[in-house]
Amino acid sequence: MFLKILLRRLITFLPTVLGIATFAFILGHATPGDPAYAALGVDLEGYSGVDPEEVERVRKELGLDKPILVQYFNWIWNALQGDFGRSYVNDYVVMDAVIEALPNTLYLLGFTMLTAIIVGVSIGMISAIYQGTIGDLIARLISIIGVSTPVFWFALILILVFAYTLDWFPIGGVVEEFGPKALVLPVASIALHPAALIARMTRSSMLEVLSHDMIRTATSKGLFRKRIFFVHALRNAINPVVTVIGFQTGNLVGGAVAIEVIFTIRGMGELLITAIHDKDILVMQCAILVIGVSFAVINLLVDMIYLLIDPRIRL
């Protein structure tokens, strides 16, 4: 049953990837500016001073003179073979740049979600178990602050306090140079929002489960409180929490763009912003495709985790 559902999900996954690829191609060509001028190192203000014949020669070399549908199918065919061409501006292999940038983004997102899950579930459980106490009030206050605080603003505050004033952590996110300390501030900045949402969902879901008859029965049998909370209550309350975790993980793929720029992390977000600025459409298209497919893969994994956590969904 599980393999059959997985196969069905994969079949619907393929059109999603094609849609993301189509969107990436259209967006790359819809951005202002001309890639031929970008390849010549000319910005928007310098168009008038360039020889039109030279521009046409470059456009022909890059294949930009062909009909848009021909360019689209050529790009899709090459992408299926893992060939995204060379950068128009910097003349490097696009896939090499993505392979170099992707691990930094994965490190950032992985540590961020691990932090958000641990902190969020812990705060949510404490708030639910000790409902109505000062601990519950503090936990709910932290959740409200986390949901309301803009990521970029919180990142700047962390830089000001812990990097400039206290000099505890480096500002740059170069892991190879500064080690794990380089990830502390970026992870803390971007983990605040998902941790707050996970905490709120964990609290509400736990409170609902704790009111069920099965919990009262387990309590009347004299089971240990830890077993009641972690085995019976949390297990039955986890499905909505997994939904929030999956959704927030997907959102972080896009939200990491601002953090990577602020902390100068050479990841997919920083690569995408640079490509947009330089009108480097091949790099832009590849970055958008990778980010979009990552979001789709995360959603697929969440669906599969659902099936493992709650077998009733298979029916």
C-alpha atoms as a PDB file:
ATOM      1  CA  MET A   1       0.000   0.000   0.000  1.00  0.00           C
ATOM      2  CA  PHE A   2       2.761   2.439   0.972  1.00  0.00           C
ATOM      3  CA  LEU A   3       4.735   1.831  -2.242  1.00  0.00           C
ATOM      4  CA  LYS A   4       1.567   2.213  -4.329  1.00  0.00           C
ATOM      5  CA  ILE A   5       0.793   5.589  -2.752  1.00  0.00           C
ATOM      6  CA  LEU A   6       4.436   6.658  -3.145  1.00  0.00           C
ATOM      7  CA  LEU A   7       4.351   5.757  -6.838  1.00  0.00           C
ATOM      8  CA  ARG A   8       1.116   7.737  -7.276  1.00  0.00           C
ATOM      9  CA  ARG A   9       2.709  10.766  -5.579  1.00  0.00           C
ATOM     10  CA  LEU A  10       5.780  10.510  -7.822  1.00  0.00           C
ATOM     11  CA  ILE A  11       3.599  10.462 -10.934  1.00  0.00           C
ATOM     12  CA  THR A  12       1.940  13.720  -9.866  1.00  0.00           C
ATOM     13  CA  PHE A  13       5.350  15.075  -8.830  1.00  0.00           C
ATOM     14  CA  LEU A  14       6.699  15.086 -12.405  1.00  0.00           C
ATOM     15  CA  PRO A  15       4.181  17.650 -13.797  1.00  0.00           C
ATOM     16  CA  THR A  16       4.970  19.836 -10.780  1.00  0.00           C
ATOM     17  CA  VAL A  17       8.675  19.824 -11.658  1.00  0.00           C
ATOM     18  CA  LEU A  18       7.845  20.634 -15.294  1.00  0.00           C
ATOM     19  CA  GLY A  19       5.673  23.533 -14.139  1.00  0.00           C
ATOM     20  CA  ILE A  20       8.491  24.860 -11.940  1.00  0.00           C
ATOM     21  CA  ALA A  21      10.939  24.577 -14.843  1.00  0.00           C
ATOM     22  CA  THR A  22       8.540  26.424 -17.156  1.00  0.00           C
ATOM     23  CA  PHE A  23       8.053  29.156 -14.560  1.00  0.00           C
ATOM     24  CA  ALA A  24      11.841  29.477 -14.115  1.00  0.00           C
ATOM     25  CA  PHE A  25      12.342  29.824 -17.878  1.00  0.00           C
ATOM     26  CA  ILE A  26       9.593  32.438 -18.259  1.00  0.00           C
ATOM     27  CA  LEU A  27      10.777  34.433 -15.261  1.00  0.00           C
ATOM     28  CA  GLY A  28      14.337  34.445 -16.548  1.00  0.00           C
ATOM     29  CA  HIS A  29      13.248  35.961 -19.863  1.00  0.00           C
ATOM     30  CA  ALA A  30      10.696  38.323 -18.293  1.00  0.00           C
ATOM     31  CA  THR A  31      13.198  40.209 -16.142  1.00  0.00           C
ATOM     32  CA  PRO A  32      14.223  43.678 -17.438  1.00  0.00           C
ATOM     33  CA  GLY A  33      17.354  43.991 -19.524  1.00  0.00           C
ATOM     34  CA  ASP A  34      19.028  42.099 -22.337  1.00  0.00           C
ATOM     35  CA  PRO A  35      21.348  39.137 -21.580  1.00  0.00           C
ATOM     36  CA  ALA A  36      23.436  39.996 -24.633  1.00  0.00           C
ATOM     37  CA  TYR A  37      24.309  43.377 -23.147  1.00  0.00           C
ATOM     38  CA  ALA A  38      24.990  41.696 -19.790  1.00  0.00           C
ATOM     39  CA  ALA A  39      27.377  39.307 -21.526  1.00  0.00           C
ATOM     40  CA  LEU A  40      29.216  42.328 -22.942  1.00  0.00           C
ATOM     41  CA  GLY A  41      29.457  43.821 -19.457  1.00  0.00           C
ATOM     42  CA  VAL A  42      27.098  46.702 -20.242  1.00  0.00           C
ATOM     43  CA  ASP A  43      24.441  47.897 -17.769  1.00  0.00           C
ATOM     44  CA  LEU A  44      21.045  49.393 -18.631  1.00  0.00           C
ATOM     45  CA  GLU A  45      22.414  52.949 -18.822  1.00  0.00           C
ATOM     46  CA  GLY A  46      25.132  51.972 -21.292  1.00  0.00           C
ATOM     47  CA  TYR A  47      22.959  50.487 -24.055  1.00  0.00           C
ATOM     48  CA  SER A  48      23.328  53.459 -26.378  1.00  0.00           C
ATOM     49  CA  GLY A  49      27.112  53.243 -26.530  1.00  0.00           C
ATOM     50  CA  VAL A  50      27.324  49.642 -27.792  1.00  0.00           C
ATOM     51  CA  ASP A  51      27.721  48.576 -31.417  1.00  0.00           C
ATOM     52  CA  PRO A  52      24.418  46.883 -32.468  1.00  0.00           C
ATOM     53  CA  GLU A  53      26.304  44.449 -34.693  1.00  0.00           C
ATOM     54  CA  GLU A  54      28.374  43.295 -31.729  1.00  0.00           C
ATOM     55  CA  VAL A  55      25.198  42.790 -29.702  1.00  0.00           C
ATOM     56  CA  GLU A  56      23.647  40.720 -32.509  1.00  0.00           C
ATOM     57  CA  ARG A  57      26.806  38.614 -32.762  1.00  0.00           C
ATOM     58  CA  VAL A  58      26.715  37.846 -29.030  1.00  0.00           C
ATOM     59  CA  ARG A  59      22.979  37.168 -29.150  1.00  0.00           C
ATOM     60  CA  LYS A  60      23.542  34.663 -31.967  1.00  0.00           C
ATOM     61  CA  GLU A  61      26.401  32.981 -30.090  1.00  0.00           C
ATOM     62  CA  LEU A  62      24.211  32.582 -27.011  1.00  0.00           C
ATOM     63  CA  GLY A  63      21.256  31.287 -29.027  1.00  0.00           C
ATOM     64  CA  LEU A  64      19.084  34.225 -28.003  1.00  0.00           C
ATOM     65  CA  ASP A  65      18.157  34.950 -31.626  1.00  0.00           C
ATOM     66  CA  LYS A  66      16.094  31.754 -31.872  1.00  0.00           C
ATOM     67  CA  PRO A  67      12.307  31.695 -31.281  1.00  0.00           C
ATOM     68  CA  ILE A  68      11.351  31.581 -27.628  1.00  0.00           C
ATOM     69  CA  LEU A  69       9.782  28.102 -27.928  1.00  0.00           C
ATOM     70  CA  VAL A  70      12.976  26.731 -29.460  1.00  0.00           C
ATOM     71  CA  GLN A  71      14.973  28.250 -26.604  1.00  0.00           C
ATOM     72  CA  TYR A  72      12.533  26.710 -24.097  1.00  0.00           C
ATOM     73  CA  PHE A  73      12.716  23.174 -25.468  1.00  0.00           C
ATOM     74  CA  ASN A  74      16.502  23.394 -25.859  1.00  0.00           C
ATOM     75  CA  TRP A  75      16.794  24.518 -22.222  1.00  0.00           C
ATOM     76  CA  ILE A  76      14.489  21.742 -20.967  1.00  0.00           C
ATOM     77  CA  TRP A  77      16.376  19.111 -22.964  1.00  0.00           C
ATOM     78  CA  ASN A  78      19.751  20.285 -21.682  1.00  0.00           C
ATOM     79  CA  ALA A  79      18.410  20.544 -18.113  1.00  0.00           C
ATOM     80  CA  LEU A  80      17.296  16.897 -18.244  1.00  0.00           C
ATOM     81  CA  GLN A  81      20.935  16.040 -18.959  1.00  0.00           C
ATOM     82  CA  GLY A  82      22.167  18.229 -16.105  1.00  0.00           C
ATOM     83  CA  ASP A  83      23.543  20.863 -18.459  1.00  0.00           C
ATOM     84  CA  PHE A  84      22.448  24.409 -17.599  1.00  0.00           C
ATOM     85  CA  GLY A  85      25.059  26.104 -19.770  1.00  0.00           C
ATOM     86  CA  ARG A  86      27.664  28.691 -18.827  1.00  0.00           C
ATOM     87  CA  SER A  87      27.134  32.010 -17.106  1.00  0.00           C
ATOM     88  CA  TYR A  88      26.642  34.836 -19.627  1.00  0.00           C
ATOM     89  CA  VAL A  89      28.382  37.303 -17.340  1.00  0.00           C
ATOM     90  CA  ASN A  90      31.158  35.395 -15.541  1.00  0.00           C
ATOM     91  CA  ASP A  91      31.663  32.488 -17.961  1.00  0.00           C
ATOM     92  CA  TYR A  92      31.562  29.694 -15.379  1.00  0.00           C
ATOM     93  CA  VAL A  93      29.613  26.438 -15.598  1.00  0.00           C
ATOM     94  CA  VAL A  94      26.220  27.124 -14.011  1.00  0.00           C
ATOM     95  CA  MET A  95      25.884  23.674 -12.458  1.00  0.00           C
ATOM     96  CA  ASP A  96      29.305  24.013 -10.812  1.00  0.00           C
ATOM     97  CA  ALA A  97      28.183  27.253  -9.128  1.00  0.00           C
ATOM     98  CA  VAL A  98      24.973  25.580  -7.913  1.00  0.00           C
ATOM     99  CA  ILE A  99      26.874  22.564  -6.566  1.00  0.00           C
ATOM    100  CA  GLU A 100      29.176  24.935  -4.693  1.00  0.00           C
ATOM    101  CA  ALA A 101      26.331  27.045  -3.251  1.00  0.00           C
ATOM    102  CA  LEU A 102      23.769  24.336  -2.460  1.00  0.00           C
ATOM    103  CA  PRO A 103      25.579  22.699   0.520  1.00  0.00           C
ATOM    104  CA  ASN A 104      25.751  26.041   2.371  1.00  0.00           C
ATOM    105  CA  THR A 105      21.998  26.510   1.955  1.00  0.00           C
ATOM    106  CA  LEU A 106      21.325  22.918   3.043  1.00  0.00           C
ATOM    107  CA  TYR A 107      23.506  23.381   6.146  1.00  0.00           C
ATOM    108  CA  LEU A 108      21.626  26.553   7.000  1.00  0.00           C
ATOM    109  CA  LEU A 109      18.167  25.058   6.447  1.00  0.00           C
ATOM    110  CA  GLY A 110      19.020  21.767   8.157  1.00  0.00           C
ATOM    111  CA  PHE A 111      20.325  23.354  11.354  1.00  0.00           C
ATOM    112  CA  THR A 112      17.522  25.918  11.265  1.00  0.00           C
ATOM    113  CA  MET A 113      14.723  23.361  11.114  1.00  0.00           C
ATOM    114  CA  LEU A 114      16.402  21.115  13.688  1.00  0.00           C
ATOM    115  CA  THR A 115      16.623  24.098  16.047  1.00  0.00           C
ATOM    116  CA  ALA A 116      13.068  25.216  15.274  1.00  0.00           C
ATOM    117  CA  ILE A 117      11.628  21.719  15.846  1.00  0.00           C
ATOM    118  CA  ILE A 118      13.437  21.145  19.147  1.00  0.00           C
ATOM    119  CA  VAL A 119      12.654  24.615  20.510  1.00  0.00           C
ATOM    120  CA  GLY A 120       9.120  24.805  19.116  1.00  0.00           C
ATOM    121  CA  VAL A 121       7.950  21.355  20.248  1.00  0.00           C
ATOM    122  CA  SER A 122       9.548  21.825  23.676  1.00  0.00           C
ATOM    123  CA  ILE A 123       7.922  25.215  24.252  1.00  0.00           C
ATOM    124  CA  GLY A 124       4.574  23.965  22.942  1.00  0.00           C
ATOM    125  CA  MET A 125       4.583  20.914  25.210  1.00  0.00           C
ATOM    126  CA  ILE A 126       5.597  22.939  28.276  1.00  0.00           C
ATOM    127  CA  SER A 127       2.845  25.435  27.519  1.00  0.00           C
ATOM    128  CA  ALA A 128       0.233  22.673  27.136  1.00  0.00           C
ATOM    129  CA  ILE A 129       1.297  20.603  30.137  1.00  0.00           C
ATOM    130  CA  TYR A 130       1.437  23.617  32.449  1.00  0.00           C
ATOM    131  CA  GLN A 131      -1.592  25.395  30.994  1.00  0.00           C
ATOM    132  CA  GLY A 132      -2.581  28.510  32.914  1.00  0.00           C
ATOM    133  CA  THR A 133       0.704  28.850  34.792  1.00  0.00           C
ATOM    134  CA  ILE A 134       3.406  31.507  34.476  1.00  0.00           C
ATOM    135  CA  GLY A 135       5.378  29.065  32.285  1.00  0.00           C
ATOM    136  CA  ASP A 136       2.454  28.850  29.886  1.00  0.00           C
ATOM    137  CA  LEU A 137       2.197  32.646  29.782  1.00  0.00           C
ATOM    138  CA  ILE A 138       5.915  33.065  29.036  1.00  0.00           C
ATOM    139  CA  ALA A 139       5.807  30.373  26.337  1.00  0.00           C
ATOM    140  CA  ARG A 140       2.813  32.003  24.642  1.00  0.00           C
ATOM    141  CA  LEU A 141       4.485  35.412  24.830  1.00  0.00           C
ATOM    142  CA  ILE A 142       7.630  34.021  23.169  1.00  0.00           C
ATOM    143  CA  SER A 143       5.477  32.482  20.417  1.00  0.00           C
ATOM    144  CA  ILE A 144       3.669  35.765  19.746  1.00  0.00           C
ATOM    145  CA  ILE A 145       6.983  37.656  19.556  1.00  0.00           C
ATOM    146  CA  GLY A 146       8.429  35.013  17.234  1.00  0.00           C
ATOM    147  CA  VAL A 147       5.483  35.130  14.839  1.00  0.00           C
ATOM    148  CA  SER A 148       5.392  38.946  14.802  1.00  0.00           C
ATOM    149  CA  THR A 149       9.115  39.673  14.392  1.00  0.00           C
ATOM    150  CA  PRO A 150      10.406  40.199  10.810  1.00  0.00           C
ATOM    151  CA  VAL A 151      13.324  37.884  10.042  1.00  0.00           C
ATOM    152  CA  PHE A 152      15.596  40.535   8.544  1.00  0.00           C
ATOM    153  CA  TRP A 153      15.009  42.922  11.489  1.00  0.00           C
ATOM    154  CA  PHE A 154      15.781  40.202  14.027  1.00  0.00           C
ATOM    155  CA  ALA A 155      18.928  39.300  12.080  1.00  0.00           C
ATOM    156  CA  LEU A 156      20.160  42.906  12.221  1.00  0.00           C
ATOM    157  CA  ILE A 157      19.464  43.054  15.971  1.00  0.00           C
ATOM    158  CA  LEU A 158      21.474  39.851  16.522  1.00  0.00           C
ATOM    159  CA  ILE A 159      24.355  41.252  14.471  1.00  0.00           C
ATOM    160  CA  LEU A 160      24.314  44.507  16.435  1.00  0.00           C
ATOM    161  CA  VAL A 161      24.256  42.803  19.847  1.00  0.00           C
ATOM    162  CA  PHE A 162      26.246  39.591  19.457  1.00  0.00           C
ATOM    163  CA  ALA A 163      28.620  40.473  16.606  1.00  0.00           C
ATOM    164  CA  TYR A 164      29.382  44.199  16.934  1.00  0.00           C
ATOM    165  CA  THR A 165      28.817  44.841  20.654  1.00  0.00           C
ATOM    166  CA  LEU A 166      29.786  41.551  22.332  1.00  0.00           C
ATOM    167  CA  ASP A 167      31.929  40.146  19.495  1.00  0.00           C
ATOM    168  CA  TRP A 168      30.851  36.595  20.313  1.00  0.00           C
ATOM    169  CA  PHE A 169      30.096  35.460  16.760  1.00  0.00           C
ATOM    170  CA  PRO A 170      31.341  36.391  13.270  1.00  0.00           C
ATOM    171  CA  ILE A 171      29.085  38.396  10.977  1.00  0.00           C
ATOM    172  CA  GLY A 172      30.040  36.529   7.817  1.00  0.00           C
ATOM    173  CA  GLY A 173      28.608  33.103   7.199  1.00  0.00           C
ATOM    174  CA  VAL A 174      31.733  31.471   5.782  1.00  0.00           C
ATOM    175  CA  VAL A 175      31.663  28.119   7.571  1.00  0.00           C
ATOM    176  CA  GLU A 176      35.050  27.050   6.210  1.00  0.00           C
ATOM    177  CA  GLU A 177      36.727  30.098   7.767  1.00  0.00           C
ATOM    178  CA  PHE A 178      34.854  30.549  11.057  1.00  0.00           C
ATOM    179  CA  GLY A 179      33.547  27.037  11.703  1.00  0.00           C
ATOM    180  CA  PRO A 180      30.138  26.234  13.236  1.00  0.00           C
ATOM    181  CA  LYS A 181      30.101  29.625  15.010  1.00  0.00           C
ATOM    182  CA  ALA A 182      29.362  31.208  11.637  1.00  0.00           C
ATOM    183  CA  LEU A 183      25.963  29.488  11.553  1.00  0.00           C
ATOM    184  CA  VAL A 184      24.788  30.515  15.032  1.00  0.00           C
ATOM    185  CA  LEU A 185      23.430  33.973  14.168  1.00  0.00           C
ATOM    186  CA  PRO A 186      21.924  33.014  10.772  1.00  0.00           C
ATOM    187  CA  VAL A 187      20.223  29.943  12.269  1.00  0.00           C
ATOM    188  CA  ALA A 188      18.912  31.930  15.255  1.00  0.00           C
ATOM    189  CA  SER A 189      17.594  34.637  12.914  1.00  0.00           C
ATOM    190  CA  ILE A 190      15.655  32.386  10.613  1.00  0.00           C
ATOM    191  CA  ALA A 191      14.568  29.766  13.203  1.00  0.00           C
ATOM    192  CA  LEU A 192      12.582  32.207  15.355  1.00  0.00           C
ATOM    193  CA  HIS A 193       9.480  32.353  13.137  1.00  0.00           C
ATOM    194  CA  PRO A 194       9.060  28.610  12.414  1.00  0.00           C
ATOM    195  CA  ALA A 195       9.832  27.739  16.049  1.00  0.00           C
ATOM    196  CA  ALA A 196       7.045  30.076  17.194  1.00  0.00           C
ATOM    197  CA  LEU A 197       4.515  28.570  14.759  1.00  0.00           C
ATOM    198  CA  ILE A 198       5.516  25.025  15.707  1.00  0.00           C
ATOM    199  CA  ALA A 199       5.147  25.913  19.406  1.00  0.00           C
ATOM    200  CA  ARG A 200       1.655  27.324  18.881  1.00  0.00           C
ATOM    201  CA  MET A 201       0.499  24.315  16.876  1.00  0.00           C
ATOM    202  CA  THR A 202       2.066  21.871  19.349  1.00  0.00           C
ATOM    203  CA  ARG A 203       0.297  23.592  22.254  1.00  0.00           C
ATOM    204  CA  SER A 204      -3.138  23.647  20.634  1.00  0.00           C
ATOM    205  CA  SER A 205      -2.847  20.065  19.357  1.00  0.00           C
ATOM    206  CA  MET A 206      -1.584  18.781  22.720  1.00  0.00           C
ATOM    207  CA  LEU A 207      -4.390  20.516  24.615  1.00  0.00           C
ATOM    208  CA  GLU A 208      -6.951  18.886  22.339  1.00  0.00           C
ATOM    209  CA  VAL A 209      -5.453  15.410  22.828  1.00  0.00           C
ATOM    210  CA  LEU A 210      -5.025  15.865  26.591  1.00  0.00           C
ATOM    211  CA  SER A 211      -8.788  16.389  26.864  1.00  0.00           C
ATOM    212  CA  HIS A 212      -9.542  12.997  25.283  1.00  0.00           C
ATOM    213  CA  ASP A 213     -10.910  10.067  27.288  1.00  0.00           C
ATOM    214  CA  MET A 214      -7.852   7.941  26.514  1.00  0.00           C
ATOM    215  CA  ILE A 215      -5.632  10.346  28.457  1.00  0.00           C
ATOM    216  CA  ARG A 216      -7.955  10.246  31.460  1.00  0.00           C
ATOM    217  CA  THR A 217      -7.969   6.445  31.232  1.00  0.00           C
ATOM    218  CA  ALA A 218      -4.159   6.314  31.065  1.00  0.00           C
ATOM    219  CA  THR A 219      -3.944   8.642  34.063  1.00  0.00           C
ATOM    220  CA  SER A 220      -6.431   6.573  36.078  1.00  0.00           C
ATOM    221  CA  LYS A 221      -4.346   3.456  35.390  1.00  0.00           C
ATOM    222  CA  GLY A 222      -1.424   5.117  37.126  1.00  0.00           C
ATOM    223  CA  LEU A 223       0.885   5.433  34.113  1.00  0.00           C
ATOM    224  CA  PHE A 224       3.877   7.706  34.487  1.00  0.00           C
ATOM    225  CA  ARG A 225       3.235  11.294  33.398  1.00  0.00           C
ATOM    226  CA  LYS A 226       6.197  11.218  31.006  1.00  0.00           C
ATOM    227  CA  ARG A 227       4.757   8.150  29.278  1.00  0.00           C
ATOM    228  CA  ILE A 228       1.330   9.762  29.027  1.00  0.00           C
ATOM    229  CA  PHE A 229       2.697  12.987  27.558  1.00  0.00           C
ATOM    230  CA  PHE A 230       5.382  11.634  25.237  1.00  0.00           C
ATOM    231  CA  VAL A 231       3.919   8.297  24.137  1.00  0.00           C
ATOM    232  CA  HIS A 232       0.156   8.780  24.158  1.00  0.00           C
ATOM    233  CA  ALA A 233      -0.440  12.537  23.887  1.00  0.00           C
ATOM    234  CA  LEU A 234       2.429  13.690  21.662  1.00  0.00           C
ATOM    235  CA  ARG A 235       2.084  10.775  19.255  1.00  0.00           C
ATOM    236  CA  ASN A 236      -1.590  11.552  18.665  1.00  0.00           C
ATOM    237  CA  ALA A 237      -0.967  15.304  18.466  1.00  0.00           C
ATOM    238  CA  ILE A 238       1.963  15.158  16.054  1.00  0.00           C
ATOM    239  CA  ASN A 239       0.122  15.164  12.685  1.00  0.00           C
ATOM    240  CA  PRO A 240      -0.814  18.884  12.635  1.00  0.00           C
ATOM    241  CA  VAL A 241       2.693  19.677  13.909  1.00  0.00           C
ATOM    242  CA  VAL A 242       4.245  17.747  11.005  1.00  0.00           C
ATOM    243  CA  THR A 243       2.102  19.799   8.619  1.00  0.00           C
ATOM    244  CA  VAL A 244       3.464  23.046  10.052  1.00  0.00           C
ATOM    245  CA  ILE A 245       7.039  21.690  10.030  1.00  0.00           C
ATOM    246  CA  GLY A 246       6.771  20.692   6.380  1.00  0.00           C
ATOM    247  CA  PHE A 247       5.180  23.984   5.350  1.00  0.00           C
ATOM    248  CA  GLN A 248       7.745  26.035   7.266  1.00  0.00           C
ATOM    249  CA  THR A 249      10.635  24.016   5.838  1.00  0.00           C
ATOM    250  CA  GLY A 250       9.391  24.841   2.355  1.00  0.00           C
ATOM    251  CA  ASN A 251       9.035  28.508   3.265  1.00  0.00           C
ATOM    252  CA  LEU A 252      12.580  28.591   4.626  1.00  0.00           C
ATOM    253  CA  VAL A 253      13.901  27.688   1.180  1.00  0.00           C
ATOM    254  CA  GLY A 254      12.691  31.089   0.010  1.00  0.00           C
ATOM    255  CA  GLY A 255      13.236  32.872   3.310  1.00  0.00           C
ATOM    256  CA  ALA A 256      16.902  31.898   3.345  1.00  0.00           C
ATOM    257  CA  VAL A 257      17.520  34.399   0.522  1.00  0.00           C
ATOM    258  CA  ALA A 258      17.430  37.439   2.826  1.00  0.00           C
ATOM    259  CA  ILE A 259      19.519  35.736   5.525  1.00  0.00           C
ATOM    260  CA  GLU A 260      22.185  34.634   3.062  1.00  0.00           C
ATOM    261  CA  VAL A 261      22.490  38.180   1.738  1.00  0.00           C
ATOM    262  CA  ILE A 262      22.625  39.731   5.234  1.00  0.00           C
ATOM    263  CA  PHE A 263      25.246  37.261   6.510  1.00  0.00           C
ATOM    264  CA  THR A 264      27.140  36.980   3.183  1.00  0.00           C
ATOM    265  CA  ILE A 265      26.570  33.239   2.949  1.00  0.00           C
ATOM    266  CA  ARG A 266      27.446  31.920  -0.508  1.00  0.00           C
ATOM    267  CA  GLY A 267      24.258  29.881  -0.882  1.00  0.00           C
ATOM    268  CA  MET A 268      21.428  29.518  -3.378  1.00  0.00           C
ATOM    269  CA  GLY A 269      19.728  32.724  -2.233  1.00  0.00           C
ATOM    270  CA  GLU A 270      22.838  34.831  -2.649  1.00  0.00           C
ATOM    271  CA  LEU A 271      23.514  33.170  -6.018  1.00  0.00           C
ATOM    272  CA  LEU A 272      19.981  33.986  -7.192  1.00  0.00           C
ATOM    273  CA  ILE A 273      20.131  37.629  -6.085  1.00  0.00           C
ATOM    274  CA  THR A 274      23.482  38.107  -7.825  1.00  0.00           C
ATOM    275  CA  ALA A 275      22.157  36.508 -11.029  1.00  0.00           C
ATOM    276  CA  ILE A 276      19.082  38.768 -11.024  1.00  0.00           C
ATOM    277  CA  HIS A 277      21.270  41.839 -10.530  1.00  0.00           C
ATOM    278  CA  ASP A 278      23.619  40.798 -13.364  1.00  0.00           C
ATOM    279  CA  LYS A 279      20.790  39.690 -15.686  1.00  0.00           C
ATOM    280  CA  ASP A 280      22.478  36.281 -15.837  1.00  0.00           C
ATOM    281  CA  ILE A 281      19.380  34.348 -16.881  1.00  0.00           C
ATOM    282  CA  LEU A 282      20.917  30.859 -17.066  1.00  0.00           C
ATOM    283  CA  VAL A 283      22.104  31.082 -13.453  1.00  0.00           C
ATOM    284  CA  MET A 284      18.785  32.645 -12.464  1.00  0.00           C
ATOM    285  CA  GLN A 285      16.749  29.888 -14.127  1.00  0.00           C
ATOM    286  CA  CYS A 286      18.822  27.111 -12.577  1.00  0.00           C
ATOM    287  CA  ALA A 287      18.634  28.667  -9.084  1.00  0.00           C
ATOM    288  CA  ILE A 288      14.846  29.114  -9.305  1.00  0.00           C
ATOM    289  CA  LEU A 289      14.456  25.539 -10.540  1.00  0.00           C
ATOM    290  CA  VAL A 290      16.566  24.102  -7.713  1.00  0.00           C
ATOM    291  CA  ILE A 291      14.744  26.152  -5.058  1.00  0.00           C
ATOM    292  CA  GLY A 292      11.313  25.270  -6.471  1.00  0.00           C
ATOM    293  CA  VAL A 293      12.061  21.561  -6.787  1.00  0.00           C
ATOM    294  CA  SER A 294      13.415  21.566  -3.223  1.00  0.00           C
ATOM    295  CA  PHE A 295      10.073  22.943  -2.023  1.00  0.00           C
ATOM    296  CA  ALA A 296       8.199  20.241  -3.970  1.00  0.00           C
ATOM    297  CA  VAL A 297      10.454  17.474  -2.615  1.00  0.00           C
ATOM    298  CA  ILE A 298       9.871  18.662   0.951  1.00  0.00           C
ATOM    299  CA  ASN A 299       6.092  18.520   0.432  1.00  0.00           C
ATOM    300  CA  LEU A 300       6.435  15.010  -0.988  1.00  0.00           C
ATOM    301  CA  LEU A 301       8.476  13.905   2.034  1.00  0.00           C
ATOM    302  CA  VAL A 302       5.874  15.367   4.389  1.00  0.00           C
ATOM    303  CA  ASP A 303       3.161  13.323   2.648  1.00  0.00           C
ATOM    304  CA  MET A 304       5.235  10.167   3.082  1.00  0.00           C
ATOM    305  CA  ILE A 305       5.961  10.942   6.744  1.00  0.00           C
ATOM    306  CA  TYR A 306       2.208  11.293   7.264  1.00  0.00           C
ATOM    307  CA  LEU A 307       1.711   7.743   6.050  1.00  0.00           C
ATOM    308  CA  LEU A 308       4.388   6.414   8.397  1.00  0.00           C
ATOM    309  CA  ILE A 309       3.113   8.299  11.447  1.00  0.00           C
ATOM    310  CA  ASP A 310      -0.589   7.600  10.949  1.00  0.00           C
ATOM    311  CA  PRO A 311      -1.362   4.403   8.968  1.00  0.00           C
ATOM    312  CA  ARG A 312      -5.073   5.356   8.943  1.00  0.00           C
ATOM    313  CA  ILE A 313      -4.282   7.911   6.201  1.00  0.00           C
ATOM    314  CA  ARG A 314      -3.428   5.036   3.821  1.00  0.00           C
ATOM    315  CA  LEU A 315      -7.115   4.089   3.835  1.00  0.00           C
END
